[in-house]
Amino acid sequence: MIRKVSESDIGLMYRLRDEGLSYSAIARRFDVHYMTAYFYIRAKELGFASRVEYIDHLARKKGFRNNNEYKKYRYKLLTRKNGFKNYQEYKLDLLKKKGFSSVKKYRANIARRNGFSSYGEYKKHLIRKSGFSTVREYYESNAKKKGFSSFKEHQDYLARKNGFRNNSDRVKRNQELLAKRKGFRSYYEYEKYLVRKRGFPSILALREYWAKRRGFSSAHKLFKYLAKKRKKKAINRELSLLIQYSLGELDKNQLWLSERLGISESAVSRYTSGETTPRASLQKKLFRVLNLPYKTLDDILKN
């Protein structure tokens, strides 16, 4: 994970290199990888606006649109060369040679070696070290560097490139596919099996366990806390006001809207209060029923 480097630090790196200091020494001084220091300095030397712009320029020189496209090409090349169907299979084979049966176990091992109880905790540590206060902030920053307005927009774009409607559709379909590969009729059934495997009698029992670990007396109190947090989100507030205003204009109530959408009145109540937002497959229908000129939640924020 690349550490967030300020403009003043990049300027100082450049001056130190100009004074004859090696890339390795500069990398150690700023606690970054050797290649990170190299690309920051070279980008400034050659007049590029950023390290990413310079790396994309190098990829274009090799005939690719950007560095991501070049990386994908390299992954495909390695996969074919080693006789695997896809890069994931190849990566898993490399891990097995190192004595790990899965990516998860490999990551857990890295975390333990660095003194962390889980990979999630280790990842948070790396992100804070990179200058970001939260994981979300890191992902949002990365998405904006790639020209997207938000992390969600970037994820939806990647999902559409792979033939999905959006990222939610990708996650759902991949979950169902995984469940069927493991011999289960649905992902919910597979999820219940995983919960029992971890020693919990039900999904609810696991939720109670996680709630207590986070300092809440019950899962219900944790869900209430999370719902309160969601209500503060810009998109939840905007949608809540839109639904209330539109129902008033149409002289209709929440029961009417739930019947038109084919969902429960309690679900509509949660949308109206800003507690939750509708799934992607329902958004277009909701806006059509309310005579609103939108297709997705992102359209609301754009306008």
C-alpha atoms as a PDB file:
ATOM      1  CA  MET A   1       0.000   0.000   0.000  1.00  0.00           C
ATOM      2  CA  ILE A   2       1.470   3.324  -1.091  1.00  0.00           C
ATOM      3  CA  ARG A   3       1.904   5.932   1.623  1.00  0.00           C
ATOM      4  CA  LYS A   4       0.265   9.308   1.037  1.00  0.00           C
ATOM      5  CA  VAL A   5       3.106  11.722   0.273  1.00  0.00           C
ATOM      6  CA  SER A   6       2.578  15.493   0.518  1.00  0.00           C
ATOM      7  CA  GLU A   7       3.655  17.964  -2.160  1.00  0.00           C
ATOM      8  CA  SER A   8       6.302  19.405   0.184  1.00  0.00           C
ATOM      9  CA  ASP A   9       7.717  15.876   0.766  1.00  0.00           C
ATOM     10  CA  ILE A  10       7.874  15.269  -3.007  1.00  0.00           C
ATOM     11  CA  GLY A  11       9.738  18.574  -3.394  1.00  0.00           C
ATOM     12  CA  LEU A  12      12.173  17.569  -0.656  1.00  0.00           C
ATOM     13  CA  MET A  13      12.686  14.120  -2.248  1.00  0.00           C
ATOM     14  CA  TYR A  14      13.501  15.828  -5.539  1.00  0.00           C
ATOM     15  CA  ARG A  15      16.034  18.192  -3.891  1.00  0.00           C
ATOM     16  CA  LEU A  16      17.731  15.328  -2.006  1.00  0.00           C
ATOM     17  CA  ARG A  17      18.068  13.359  -5.238  1.00  0.00           C
ATOM     18  CA  ASP A  18      19.502  16.462  -6.921  1.00  0.00           C
ATOM     19  CA  GLU A  19      22.075  16.629  -4.113  1.00  0.00           C
ATOM     20  CA  GLY A  20      23.188  13.080  -4.958  1.00  0.00           C
ATOM     21  CA  LEU A  21      21.278  11.006  -2.365  1.00  0.00           C
ATOM     22  CA  SER A  22      20.302   7.528  -3.655  1.00  0.00           C
ATOM     23  CA  TYR A  23      16.697   6.429  -4.210  1.00  0.00           C
ATOM     24  CA  SER A  24      17.116   3.771  -1.484  1.00  0.00           C
ATOM     25  CA  ALA A  25      18.291   6.356   1.080  1.00  0.00           C
ATOM     26  CA  ILE A  26      15.424   8.706   0.167  1.00  0.00           C
ATOM     27  CA  ALA A  27      12.917   5.822   0.463  1.00  0.00           C
ATOM     28  CA  ARG A  28      14.246   4.948   3.943  1.00  0.00           C
ATOM     29  CA  ARG A  29      14.123   8.578   5.059  1.00  0.00           C
ATOM     30  CA  PHE A  30      10.450   8.970   4.052  1.00  0.00           C
ATOM     31  CA  ASP A  31       9.458   5.421   5.081  1.00  0.00           C
ATOM     32  CA  VAL A  32       8.223   4.471   1.585  1.00  0.00           C
ATOM     33  CA  HIS A  33       9.052   1.682  -0.871  1.00  0.00           C
ATOM     34  CA  TYR A  34      12.089   2.213  -3.136  1.00  0.00           C
ATOM     35  CA  MET A  35       9.892   2.230  -6.305  1.00  0.00           C
ATOM     36  CA  THR A  36       7.467   4.730  -4.738  1.00  0.00           C
ATOM     37  CA  ALA A  37      10.333   7.198  -4.152  1.00  0.00           C
ATOM     38  CA  TYR A  38      11.686   6.533  -7.653  1.00  0.00           C
ATOM     39  CA  PHE A  39       8.349   7.199  -9.401  1.00  0.00           C
ATOM     40  CA  TYR A  40       7.611  10.369  -7.374  1.00  0.00           C
ATOM     41  CA  ILE A  41      11.047  11.838  -8.186  1.00  0.00           C
ATOM     42  CA  ARG A  42      11.032  10.804 -11.869  1.00  0.00           C
ATOM     43  CA  ALA A  43       7.500  12.207 -12.328  1.00  0.00           C
ATOM     44  CA  LYS A  44       8.639  15.595 -10.976  1.00  0.00           C
ATOM     45  CA  GLU A  45      11.874  15.541 -13.009  1.00  0.00           C
ATOM     46  CA  LEU A  46       9.987  14.907 -16.250  1.00  0.00           C
ATOM     47  CA  GLY A  47       7.217  17.439 -15.549  1.00  0.00           C
ATOM     48  CA  PHE A  48       4.280  15.112 -14.832  1.00  0.00           C
ATOM     49  CA  ALA A  49       1.493  16.300 -12.531  1.00  0.00           C
ATOM     50  CA  SER A  50       1.605  13.115 -10.443  1.00  0.00           C
ATOM     51  CA  ARG A  51       3.234   9.733  -9.961  1.00  0.00           C
ATOM     52  CA  VAL A  52       0.124   8.007 -11.414  1.00  0.00           C
ATOM     53  CA  GLU A  53       0.264  10.175 -14.547  1.00  0.00           C
ATOM     54  CA  TYR A  54       3.914   9.218 -15.070  1.00  0.00           C
ATOM     55  CA  ILE A  55       3.228   5.474 -14.583  1.00  0.00           C
ATOM     56  CA  ASP A  56       0.329   5.690 -17.088  1.00  0.00           C
ATOM     57  CA  HIS A  57       2.686   7.452 -19.520  1.00  0.00           C
ATOM     58  CA  LEU A  58       5.155   4.527 -19.255  1.00  0.00           C
ATOM     59  CA  ALA A  59       2.301   2.081 -19.950  1.00  0.00           C
ATOM     60  CA  ARG A  60       1.178   4.086 -23.021  1.00  0.00           C
ATOM     61  CA  LYS A  61       4.755   3.932 -24.357  1.00  0.00           C
ATOM     62  CA  LYS A  62       4.343   0.138 -24.320  1.00  0.00           C
ATOM     63  CA  GLY A  63       1.067   0.420 -26.286  1.00  0.00           C
ATOM     64  CA  PHE A  64      -1.446   0.329 -23.414  1.00  0.00           C
ATOM     65  CA  ARG A  65      -4.090   2.917 -22.483  1.00  0.00           C
ATOM     66  CA  ASN A  66      -2.966   3.084 -18.856  1.00  0.00           C
ATOM     67  CA  ASN A  67      -1.067   1.189 -16.160  1.00  0.00           C
ATOM     68  CA  ASN A  68      -4.134  -0.843 -15.113  1.00  0.00           C
ATOM     69  CA  GLU A  69      -4.440  -2.203 -18.651  1.00  0.00           C
ATOM     70  CA  TYR A  70      -0.706  -3.019 -18.675  1.00  0.00           C
ATOM     71  CA  LYS A  71      -0.986  -4.843 -15.331  1.00  0.00           C
ATOM     72  CA  LYS A  72      -3.911  -6.917 -16.622  1.00  0.00           C
ATOM     73  CA  TYR A  73      -1.860  -7.852 -19.691  1.00  0.00           C
ATOM     74  CA  ARG A  74       1.052  -8.965 -17.491  1.00  0.00           C
ATOM     75  CA  TYR A  75      -1.287 -11.032 -15.295  1.00  0.00           C
ATOM     76  CA  LYS A  76      -2.748 -12.768 -18.389  1.00  0.00           C
ATOM     77  CA  LEU A  77       0.732 -13.421 -19.727  1.00  0.00           C
ATOM     78  CA  LEU A  78       1.867 -15.017 -16.460  1.00  0.00           C
ATOM     79  CA  THR A  79      -1.342 -17.074 -16.267  1.00  0.00           C
ATOM     80  CA  ARG A  80      -1.013 -18.495 -19.804  1.00  0.00           C
ATOM     81  CA  LYS A  81       2.737 -19.046 -19.465  1.00  0.00           C
ATOM     82  CA  ASN A  82       2.206 -21.178 -16.349  1.00  0.00           C
ATOM     83  CA  GLY A  83      -0.796 -23.099 -17.757  1.00  0.00           C
ATOM     84  CA  PHE A  84      -3.601 -21.698 -15.576  1.00  0.00           C
ATOM     85  CA  LYS A  85      -7.145 -20.693 -16.577  1.00  0.00           C
ATOM     86  CA  ASN A  86      -7.031 -17.348 -14.737  1.00  0.00           C
ATOM     87  CA  TYR A  87      -4.738 -15.205 -12.612  1.00  0.00           C
ATOM     88  CA  GLN A  88      -6.516 -16.124  -9.360  1.00  0.00           C
ATOM     89  CA  GLU A  89      -5.703 -19.815  -9.938  1.00  0.00           C
ATOM     90  CA  TYR A  90      -2.072 -18.935 -10.650  1.00  0.00           C
ATOM     91  CA  LYS A  91      -1.855 -16.783  -7.502  1.00  0.00           C
ATOM     92  CA  LEU A  92      -3.354 -19.562  -5.385  1.00  0.00           C
ATOM     93  CA  ASP A  93      -0.818 -22.031  -6.789  1.00  0.00           C
ATOM     94  CA  LEU A  94       2.043 -19.685  -5.780  1.00  0.00           C
ATOM     95  CA  LEU A  95       0.604 -19.474  -2.259  1.00  0.00           C
ATOM     96  CA  LYS A  96       0.297 -23.280  -2.004  1.00  0.00           C
ATOM     97  CA  LYS A  97       3.968 -23.571  -2.919  1.00  0.00           C
ATOM     98  CA  LYS A  98       4.665 -21.280   0.051  1.00  0.00           C
ATOM     99  CA  GLY A  99       2.555 -23.536   2.296  1.00  0.00           C
ATOM    100  CA  PHE A 100      -0.745 -21.603   2.370  1.00  0.00           C
ATOM    101  CA  SER A 101      -4.063 -23.169   1.341  1.00  0.00           C
ATOM    102  CA  SER A 102      -5.790 -19.827   0.663  1.00  0.00           C
ATOM    103  CA  VAL A 103      -5.249 -16.069   0.231  1.00  0.00           C
ATOM    104  CA  LYS A 104      -7.021 -15.554   3.561  1.00  0.00           C
ATOM    105  CA  LYS A 105      -4.486 -17.740   5.422  1.00  0.00           C
ATOM    106  CA  TYR A 106      -1.594 -16.009   3.689  1.00  0.00           C
ATOM    107  CA  ARG A 107      -2.906 -12.575   4.717  1.00  0.00           C
ATOM    108  CA  ALA A 108      -3.499 -13.748   8.293  1.00  0.00           C
ATOM    109  CA  ASN A 109       0.119 -14.912   8.399  1.00  0.00           C
ATOM    110  CA  ILE A 110       1.388 -11.500   7.183  1.00  0.00           C
ATOM    111  CA  ALA A 111      -0.701  -9.793   9.877  1.00  0.00           C
ATOM    112  CA  ARG A 112       0.645 -12.059  12.644  1.00  0.00           C
ATOM    113  CA  ARG A 113       4.244 -11.550  11.469  1.00  0.00           C
ATOM    114  CA  ASN A 114       3.718  -7.806  11.846  1.00  0.00           C
ATOM    115  CA  GLY A 115       2.152  -8.150  15.313  1.00  0.00           C
ATOM    116  CA  PHE A 116      -1.563  -7.839  14.430  1.00  0.00           C
ATOM    117  CA  SER A 117      -4.384 -10.201  15.390  1.00  0.00           C
ATOM    118  CA  SER A 118      -6.066 -10.011  11.953  1.00  0.00           C
ATOM    119  CA  TYR A 119      -5.397  -8.865   8.401  1.00  0.00           C
ATOM    120  CA  GLY A 120      -8.199  -6.292   8.763  1.00  0.00           C
ATOM    121  CA  GLU A 121      -6.360  -4.649  11.671  1.00  0.00           C
ATOM    122  CA  TYR A 122      -3.067  -4.741   9.765  1.00  0.00           C
ATOM    123  CA  LYS A 123      -4.710  -3.148   6.706  1.00  0.00           C
ATOM    124  CA  LYS A 124      -6.149  -0.349   8.866  1.00  0.00           C
ATOM    125  CA  HIS A 125      -2.664   0.241  10.286  1.00  0.00           C
ATOM    126  CA  LEU A 126      -1.172   0.515   6.764  1.00  0.00           C
ATOM    127  CA  ILE A 127      -3.916   2.922   5.692  1.00  0.00           C
ATOM    128  CA  ARG A 128      -3.366   5.165   8.734  1.00  0.00           C
ATOM    129  CA  LYS A 129       0.379   5.015   8.042  1.00  0.00           C
ATOM    130  CA  SER A 130      -0.388   6.167   4.482  1.00  0.00           C
ATOM    131  CA  GLY A 131      -1.954   9.342   5.895  1.00  0.00           C
ATOM    132  CA  PHE A 132      -5.654   8.389   5.779  1.00  0.00           C
ATOM    133  CA  SER A 133      -7.869   8.368   8.852  1.00  0.00           C
ATOM    134  CA  THR A 134     -10.202   5.565   7.640  1.00  0.00           C
ATOM    135  CA  VAL A 135     -10.292   2.715   5.090  1.00  0.00           C
ATOM    136  CA  ARG A 136     -13.199   4.460   3.370  1.00  0.00           C
ATOM    137  CA  GLU A 137     -11.180   7.675   2.980  1.00  0.00           C
ATOM    138  CA  TYR A 138      -8.366   5.672   1.349  1.00  0.00           C
ATOM    139  CA  TYR A 139     -10.735   4.016  -1.161  1.00  0.00           C
ATOM    140  CA  GLU A 140     -12.474   7.324  -1.947  1.00  0.00           C
ATOM    141  CA  SER A 141      -9.094   8.986  -2.557  1.00  0.00           C
ATOM    142  CA  ASN A 142      -8.029   6.188  -4.920  1.00  0.00           C
ATOM    143  CA  ALA A 143     -11.308   6.422  -6.875  1.00  0.00           C
ATOM    144  CA  LYS A 144     -10.934  10.204  -7.281  1.00  0.00           C
ATOM    145  CA  LYS A 145      -7.345   9.783  -8.545  1.00  0.00           C
ATOM    146  CA  LYS A 146      -8.793   7.558 -11.275  1.00  0.00           C
ATOM    147  CA  GLY A 147     -11.314  10.248 -12.290  1.00  0.00           C
ATOM    148  CA  PHE A 148     -14.437   8.972 -10.473  1.00  0.00           C
ATOM    149  CA  SER A 149     -16.600  11.078  -8.186  1.00  0.00           C
ATOM    150  CA  SER A 150     -16.774   8.340  -5.532  1.00  0.00           C
ATOM    151  CA  PHE A 151     -15.596   4.833  -4.619  1.00  0.00           C
ATOM    152  CA  LYS A 152     -19.107   3.510  -5.376  1.00  0.00           C
ATOM    153  CA  GLU A 153     -19.015   4.984  -8.881  1.00  0.00           C
ATOM    154  CA  HIS A 154     -15.644   3.332  -9.506  1.00  0.00           C
ATOM    155  CA  GLN A 155     -16.901  -0.058  -8.249  1.00  0.00           C
ATOM    156  CA  ASP A 156     -20.038   0.186 -10.418  1.00  0.00           C
ATOM    157  CA  TYR A 157     -17.885   1.049 -13.452  1.00  0.00           C
ATOM    158  CA  LEU A 158     -15.661  -2.022 -12.881  1.00  0.00           C
ATOM    159  CA  ALA A 159     -18.749  -4.224 -12.419  1.00  0.00           C
ATOM    160  CA  ARG A 160     -20.318  -2.983 -15.695  1.00  0.00           C
ATOM    161  CA  LYS A 161     -17.036  -3.697 -17.528  1.00  0.00           C
ATOM    162  CA  ASN A 162     -17.438  -7.311 -16.419  1.00  0.00           C
ATOM    163  CA  GLY A 163     -21.056  -7.586 -17.593  1.00  0.00           C
ATOM    164  CA  PHE A 164     -22.920  -6.750 -14.353  1.00  0.00           C
ATOM    165  CA  ARG A 165     -25.557  -4.033 -13.894  1.00  0.00           C
ATOM    166  CA  ASN A 166     -23.634  -2.541 -10.971  1.00  0.00           C
ATOM    167  CA  ASN A 167     -21.423  -3.592  -8.060  1.00  0.00           C
ATOM    168  CA  SER A 168     -24.352  -4.802  -5.915  1.00  0.00           C
ATOM    169  CA  ASP A 169     -25.426  -7.079  -8.773  1.00  0.00           C
ATOM    170  CA  ARG A 170     -21.827  -8.371  -9.092  1.00  0.00           C
ATOM    171  CA  VAL A 171     -21.577  -9.163  -5.358  1.00  0.00           C
ATOM    172  CA  LYS A 172     -24.971 -10.907  -5.299  1.00  0.00           C
ATOM    173  CA  ARG A 173     -24.295 -13.032  -8.392  1.00  0.00           C
ATOM    174  CA  ASN A 174     -20.808 -13.990  -7.222  1.00  0.00           C
ATOM    175  CA  GLN A 175     -22.191 -15.004  -3.829  1.00  0.00           C
ATOM    176  CA  GLU A 176     -24.824 -17.249  -5.452  1.00  0.00           C
ATOM    177  CA  LEU A 177     -22.181 -18.739  -7.771  1.00  0.00           C
ATOM    178  CA  LEU A 178     -19.879 -19.465  -4.838  1.00  0.00           C
ATOM    179  CA  ALA A 179     -22.723 -21.147  -2.904  1.00  0.00           C
ATOM    180  CA  LYS A 180     -23.592 -23.405  -5.882  1.00  0.00           C
ATOM    181  CA  ARG A 181     -19.917 -24.328  -6.381  1.00  0.00           C
ATOM    182  CA  LYS A 182     -19.825 -25.405  -2.726  1.00  0.00           C
ATOM    183  CA  GLY A 183     -22.982 -27.519  -3.204  1.00  0.00           C
ATOM    184  CA  PHE A 184     -25.582 -25.225  -1.593  1.00  0.00           C
ATOM    185  CA  ARG A 185     -28.927 -24.135  -3.094  1.00  0.00           C
ATOM    186  CA  SER A 186     -28.473 -20.480  -2.076  1.00  0.00           C
ATOM    187  CA  TYR A 187     -25.942 -18.124  -0.538  1.00  0.00           C
ATOM    188  CA  TYR A 188     -28.133 -17.805   2.574  1.00  0.00           C
ATOM    189  CA  GLU A 189     -27.868 -21.591   3.073  1.00  0.00           C
ATOM    190  CA  TYR A 190     -24.076 -21.439   2.597  1.00  0.00           C
ATOM    191  CA  GLU A 191     -23.880 -18.515   5.054  1.00  0.00           C
ATOM    192  CA  LYS A 192     -25.741 -20.562   7.695  1.00  0.00           C
ATOM    193  CA  TYR A 193     -23.290 -23.433   7.169  1.00  0.00           C
ATOM    194  CA  LEU A 194     -20.297 -21.077   7.662  1.00  0.00           C
ATOM    195  CA  VAL A 195     -21.845 -19.676  10.847  1.00  0.00           C
ATOM    196  CA  ARG A 196     -22.338 -23.191  12.298  1.00  0.00           C
ATOM    197  CA  LYS A 197     -18.762 -24.067  11.288  1.00  0.00           C
ATOM    198  CA  ARG A 198     -17.550 -21.142  13.434  1.00  0.00           C
ATOM    199  CA  GLY A 199     -19.415 -22.583  16.420  1.00  0.00           C
ATOM    200  CA  PHE A 200     -22.547 -20.380  16.415  1.00  0.00           C
ATOM    201  CA  PRO A 201     -26.043 -21.923  16.350  1.00  0.00           C
ATOM    202  CA  SER A 202     -27.445 -19.214  14.046  1.00  0.00           C
ATOM    203  CA  ILE A 203     -26.675 -16.007  12.093  1.00  0.00           C
ATOM    204  CA  LEU A 204     -28.435 -14.061  14.857  1.00  0.00           C
ATOM    205  CA  ALA A 205     -26.078 -15.551  17.487  1.00  0.00           C
ATOM    206  CA  LEU A 206     -23.084 -14.449  15.389  1.00  0.00           C
ATOM    207  CA  ARG A 207     -24.539 -10.918  15.104  1.00  0.00           C
ATOM    208  CA  GLU A 208     -24.965 -10.791  18.886  1.00  0.00           C
ATOM    209  CA  TYR A 209     -21.340 -11.849  19.303  1.00  0.00           C
ATOM    210  CA  TRP A 210     -20.055  -9.113  16.959  1.00  0.00           C
ATOM    211  CA  ALA A 211     -22.260  -6.488  18.605  1.00  0.00           C
ATOM    212  CA  LYS A 212     -20.779  -7.300  22.032  1.00  0.00           C
ATOM    213  CA  ARG A 213     -17.250  -7.198  20.592  1.00  0.00           C
ATOM    214  CA  ARG A 214     -17.984  -3.663  19.389  1.00  0.00           C
ATOM    215  CA  GLY A 215     -19.197  -2.615  22.845  1.00  0.00           C
ATOM    216  CA  PHE A 216     -22.986  -2.921  22.368  1.00  0.00           C
ATOM    217  CA  SER A 217     -25.239  -4.899  24.686  1.00  0.00           C
ATOM    218  CA  SER A 218     -27.186  -6.437  21.763  1.00  0.00           C
ATOM    219  CA  ALA A 219     -27.306  -6.693  17.964  1.00  0.00           C
ATOM    220  CA  HIS A 220     -30.488  -4.597  18.019  1.00  0.00           C
ATOM    221  CA  LYS A 221     -28.630  -1.682  19.668  1.00  0.00           C
ATOM    222  CA  LEU A 222     -25.775  -1.978  17.156  1.00  0.00           C
ATOM    223  CA  PHE A 223     -28.244  -1.909  14.223  1.00  0.00           C
ATOM    224  CA  LYS A 224     -29.953   1.152  15.702  1.00  0.00           C
ATOM    225  CA  TYR A 225     -26.583   2.890  16.021  1.00  0.00           C
ATOM    226  CA  LEU A 226     -25.660   2.025  12.403  1.00  0.00           C
ATOM    227  CA  ALA A 227     -29.079   3.180  11.160  1.00  0.00           C
ATOM    228  CA  LYS A 228     -28.576   6.519  12.946  1.00  0.00           C
ATOM    229  CA  LYS A 229     -25.181   6.883  11.209  1.00  0.00           C
ATOM    230  CA  ARG A 230     -26.714   6.093   7.799  1.00  0.00           C
ATOM    231  CA  LYS A 231     -29.371   8.763   8.301  1.00  0.00           C
ATOM    232  CA  LYS A 232     -26.601  11.386   8.361  1.00  0.00           C
ATOM    233  CA  LYS A 233     -25.353  10.403   4.892  1.00  0.00           C
ATOM    234  CA  ALA A 234     -26.087  12.942   2.160  1.00  0.00           C
ATOM    235  CA  ILE A 235     -27.760  10.396  -0.143  1.00  0.00           C
ATOM    236  CA  ASN A 236     -30.016   9.043   2.639  1.00  0.00           C
ATOM    237  CA  ARG A 237     -31.111  12.565   3.588  1.00  0.00           C
ATOM    238  CA  GLU A 238     -31.770  13.566  -0.035  1.00  0.00           C
ATOM    239  CA  LEU A 239     -33.769  10.421  -0.811  1.00  0.00           C
ATOM    240  CA  SER A 240     -35.785  10.765   2.400  1.00  0.00           C
ATOM    241  CA  LEU A 241     -36.790  14.347   1.506  1.00  0.00           C
ATOM    242  CA  LEU A 242     -37.576  13.377  -2.093  1.00  0.00           C
ATOM    243  CA  ILE A 243     -39.899  10.527  -1.082  1.00  0.00           C
ATOM    244  CA  GLN A 244     -41.709  12.686   1.493  1.00  0.00           C
ATOM    245  CA  TYR A 245     -42.112  15.572  -0.967  1.00  0.00           C
ATOM    246  CA  SER A 246     -43.233  13.328  -3.863  1.00  0.00           C
ATOM    247  CA  LEU A 247     -45.809  11.475  -1.762  1.00  0.00           C
ATOM    248  CA  GLY A 248     -47.190  14.838  -0.637  1.00  0.00           C
ATOM    249  CA  GLU A 249     -47.388  16.081  -4.253  1.00  0.00           C
ATOM    250  CA  LEU A 250     -49.174  12.885  -5.345  1.00  0.00           C
ATOM    251  CA  ASP A 251     -51.408  12.959  -2.243  1.00  0.00           C
ATOM    252  CA  LYS A 252     -50.422   9.346  -1.466  1.00  0.00           C
ATOM    253  CA  ASN A 253     -49.041   7.513   1.578  1.00  0.00           C
ATOM    254  CA  GLN A 254     -46.354   4.937   2.325  1.00  0.00           C
ATOM    255  CA  LEU A 255     -48.795   2.020   2.085  1.00  0.00           C
ATOM    256  CA  TRP A 256     -49.659   3.041  -1.508  1.00  0.00           C
ATOM    257  CA  LEU A 257     -45.963   3.240  -2.392  1.00  0.00           C
ATOM    258  CA  SER A 258     -45.196  -0.182  -0.864  1.00  0.00           C
ATOM    259  CA  GLU A 259     -48.024  -1.754  -2.911  1.00  0.00           C
ATOM    260  CA  ARG A 260     -46.779  -0.146  -6.134  1.00  0.00           C
ATOM    261  CA  LEU A 261     -43.218  -1.342  -5.479  1.00  0.00           C
ATOM    262  CA  GLY A 262     -44.234  -4.815  -4.278  1.00  0.00           C
ATOM    263  CA  ILE A 263     -42.353  -4.496  -0.980  1.00  0.00           C
ATOM    264  CA  SER A 264     -43.349  -4.202   2.695  1.00  0.00           C
ATOM    265  CA  GLU A 265     -44.576  -0.950   4.229  1.00  0.00           C
ATOM    266  CA  SER A 266     -41.771  -1.191   6.828  1.00  0.00           C
ATOM    267  CA  ALA A 267     -39.167  -1.165   4.013  1.00  0.00           C
ATOM    268  CA  VAL A 268     -40.709   2.020   2.562  1.00  0.00           C
ATOM    269  CA  SER A 269     -40.749   3.490   6.083  1.00  0.00           C
ATOM    270  CA  ARG A 270     -36.986   2.887   6.360  1.00  0.00           C
ATOM    271  CA  TYR A 271     -36.372   4.623   3.000  1.00  0.00           C
ATOM    272  CA  THR A 272     -38.577   7.551   4.025  1.00  0.00           C
ATOM    273  CA  SER A 273     -36.809   8.009   7.372  1.00  0.00           C
ATOM    274  CA  GLY A 274     -33.379   7.789   5.717  1.00  0.00           C
ATOM    275  CA  GLU A 275     -32.490   4.657   7.665  1.00  0.00           C
ATOM    276  CA  THR A 276     -31.699   2.654   4.497  1.00  0.00           C
ATOM    277  CA  THR A 277     -31.714   3.109   0.726  1.00  0.00           C
ATOM    278  CA  PRO A 278     -33.344   0.739  -1.810  1.00  0.00           C
ATOM    279  CA  ARG A 279     -31.266  -1.885  -3.610  1.00  0.00           C
ATOM    280  CA  ALA A 280     -30.072  -0.973  -7.113  1.00  0.00           C
ATOM    281  CA  SER A 281     -32.699  -3.135  -8.881  1.00  0.00           C
ATOM    282  CA  LEU A 282     -35.511  -1.226  -7.132  1.00  0.00           C
ATOM    283  CA  GLN A 283     -34.271   2.359  -7.575  1.00  0.00           C
ATOM    284  CA  LYS A 284     -35.447   2.882 -11.171  1.00  0.00           C
ATOM    285  CA  LYS A 285     -38.943   1.598 -10.325  1.00  0.00           C
ATOM    286  CA  LEU A 286     -39.147   3.821  -7.221  1.00  0.00           C
ATOM    287  CA  PHE A 287     -38.307   6.969  -9.220  1.00  0.00           C
ATOM    288  CA  ARG A 288     -40.754   6.012 -11.993  1.00  0.00           C
ATOM    289  CA  VAL A 289     -43.624   5.471  -9.516  1.00  0.00           C
ATOM    290  CA  LEU A 290     -42.877   8.854  -7.871  1.00  0.00           C
ATOM    291  CA  ASN A 291     -42.602  10.623 -11.281  1.00  0.00           C
ATOM    292  CA  LEU A 292     -38.992  11.632 -10.601  1.00  0.00           C
ATOM    293  CA  PRO A 293     -36.421  12.174 -13.408  1.00  0.00           C
ATOM    294  CA  TYR A 294     -33.814   9.812 -11.925  1.00  0.00           C
ATOM    295  CA  LYS A 295     -32.675   6.224 -12.537  1.00  0.00           C
ATOM    296  CA  THR A 296     -30.186   5.663  -9.696  1.00  0.00           C
ATOM    297  CA  LEU A 297     -29.240   7.212  -6.344  1.00  0.00           C
ATOM    298  CA  ASP A 298     -26.091   8.663  -7.933  1.00  0.00           C
ATOM    299  CA  ASP A 299     -28.324  10.755 -10.256  1.00  0.00           C
ATOM    300  CA  ILE A 300     -29.787  12.529  -7.204  1.00  0.00           C
ATOM    301  CA  LEU A 301     -26.386  13.681  -5.951  1.00  0.00           C
ATOM    302  CA  LYS A 302     -25.289  14.711  -9.450  1.00  0.00           C
ATOM    303  CA  ASN A 303     -28.315  17.004  -9.662  1.00  0.00           C
END
